[in-house]
Amino acid sequence: MAKLHRVTNPGGTFEAYVFWCPGCKQHHQYCTKGSLVWQFNGDLEKPTFSPSLLVEPRQPERRCHLFLQGGKIQYLGDCFHELKGRIIELPDFDTELEKEREPAS
């Protein structure tokens, strides 16, 4: 099962790879074509992007800062959530998407 979901626009000027962040409990994305881009190794099972991804840099209470290397997420110490400072396996994209759609019990 893939760890990433590829997103493009009809004109082909934008491309991104979306993944599920267990720390934030939402999707994040790396742009690989467009104005701000990351380097990507092309592996959907064990992806590596560089440089790091910083989400919500101006809002420390929502900040997520990570490296995604070899299919593992390395959360840096300035993340707001409980996974800061930890390294975890990148979850399967489809599995987490299905959990997100399930009704709350």
Protein backbone atom coordinates (compact mmCIF):
# COMPACT_ATOMS: atom_id res chain seq x y z
CA MET A 1 0.00 0.00 0.00
CA ALA A 2 1.29 3.48 -0.83
CA LYS A 3 2.41 5.89 1.85
CA LEU A 4 1.77 8.97 -0.33
CA HIS A 5 -0.96 10.35 -2.56
CA ARG A 6 0.06 12.33 -5.68
CA VAL A 7 -1.84 15.55 -6.46
CA THR A 8 -1.53 17.52 -9.71
CA ASN A 9 -3.46 20.20 -11.58
CA PRO A 10 -4.81 19.86 -15.14
CA GLY A 11 -2.14 22.14 -16.62
CA GLY A 12 0.69 20.15 -15.06
CA THR A 13 2.22 23.21 -13.38
CA PHE A 14 1.71 21.86 -9.85
CA GLU A 15 2.57 18.52 -8.29
CA ALA A 16 2.55 17.52 -4.63
CA TYR A 17 2.68 14.38 -2.51
CA VAL A 18 0.32 14.23 0.44
CA PHE A 19 0.81 12.07 3.54
CA TRP A 20 -0.96 11.52 6.84
CA CYS A 21 0.71 13.09 9.89
CA PRO A 22 -0.13 11.07 13.02
CA GLY A 23 1.14 13.90 15.24
CA CYS A 24 -1.18 16.57 13.84
CA LYS A 25 -3.86 14.07 12.81
CA GLN A 26 -4.16 15.73 9.42
CA HIS A 27 -2.58 15.65 5.98
CA HIS A 28 0.61 17.50 5.07
CA GLN A 29 2.13 17.85 1.62
CA TYR A 30 5.45 18.25 -0.13
CA CYS A 31 5.36 20.20 -3.40
CA THR A 32 7.66 18.76 -6.06
CA LYS A 33 6.67 21.03 -8.96
CA GLY A 34 5.68 24.68 -8.72
CA SER A 35 7.03 27.71 -6.90
CA LEU A 36 8.38 26.15 -3.67
CA VAL A 37 9.68 22.61 -4.18
CA TRP A 38 11.33 19.77 -2.26
CA GLN A 39 13.63 17.10 -3.61
CA PHE A 40 11.95 13.66 -3.74
CA ASN A 41 13.55 10.23 -4.23
CA GLY A 42 10.46 8.96 -6.16
CA ASP A 43 9.82 6.01 -3.81
CA LEU A 44 6.14 5.85 -2.75
CA GLU A 45 6.84 3.13 -0.14
CA LYS A 46 9.97 4.58 1.49
CA PRO A 47 9.87 8.23 0.50
CA THR A 48 12.61 10.72 1.24
CA PHE A 49 12.13 14.46 0.84
CA SER A 50 14.55 17.27 1.52
CA PRO A 51 14.85 19.71 3.10
CA SER A 52 12.65 19.46 6.23
CA LEU A 53 8.95 20.32 6.21
CA LEU A 54 7.79 23.12 8.52
CA VAL A 55 4.01 23.45 8.93
CA GLU A 56 2.53 26.55 10.64
CA PRO A 57 5.89 28.27 11.29
CA ARG A 58 4.28 31.39 12.79
CA GLN A 59 1.95 29.51 15.14
CA PRO A 60 3.95 27.56 17.76
CA GLU A 61 0.75 26.06 19.18
CA ARG A 62 0.13 24.33 15.80
CA ARG A 63 3.69 23.93 14.47
CA CYS A 64 4.87 20.64 12.99
CA HIS A 65 8.48 20.33 11.85
CA LEU A 66 9.79 17.08 10.41
CA PHE A 67 12.10 15.18 8.12
CA LEU A 68 10.67 12.36 6.01
CA GLN A 69 13.50 9.95 5.17
CA GLY A 70 13.37 6.33 4.07
CA GLY A 71 9.69 6.04 4.95
CA LYS A 72 10.20 7.31 8.50
CA ILE A 73 9.01 10.58 9.99
CA GLN A 74 11.52 12.28 12.27
CA TYR A 75 9.65 14.89 14.30
CA LEU A 76 11.84 17.73 15.48
CA GLY A 77 11.77 19.30 18.94
CA ASP A 78 9.76 22.37 17.96
CA CYS A 79 6.56 20.41 17.16
CA PHE A 80 3.51 21.15 19.29
CA HIS A 81 2.29 17.54 19.56
CA GLU A 82 3.26 14.52 21.64
CA LEU A 83 5.39 12.98 18.86
CA LYS A 84 8.02 15.73 18.98
CA GLY A 85 11.52 14.31 19.15
CA ARG A 86 10.38 10.85 17.99
CA ILE A 87 10.94 8.82 14.82
CA ILE A 88 8.02 6.74 13.53
CA GLU A 89 7.11 4.75 10.42
CA LEU A 90 5.09 6.69 7.87
CA PRO A 91 1.58 5.17 7.95
CA ASP A 92 -0.18 3.89 4.83
CA PHE A 93 -2.06 6.73 3.21
CA ASP A 94 -5.26 4.83 2.38
CA THR A 95 -5.56 3.26 5.83
CA GLU A 96 -5.40 6.61 7.57
CA LEU A 97 -7.78 8.18 5.06
CA GLU A 98 -10.35 5.48 5.81
CA LYS A 99 -9.97 6.02 9.57
CA GLU A 100 -10.59 9.73 8.99
CA ARG A 101 -13.88 8.93 7.21
CA GLU A 102 -15.17 6.56 9.90
CA PRO A 103 -17.93 7.99 12.11
CA ALA A 104 -16.94 8.79 15.68
CA SER A 105 -18.08 6.22 18.23
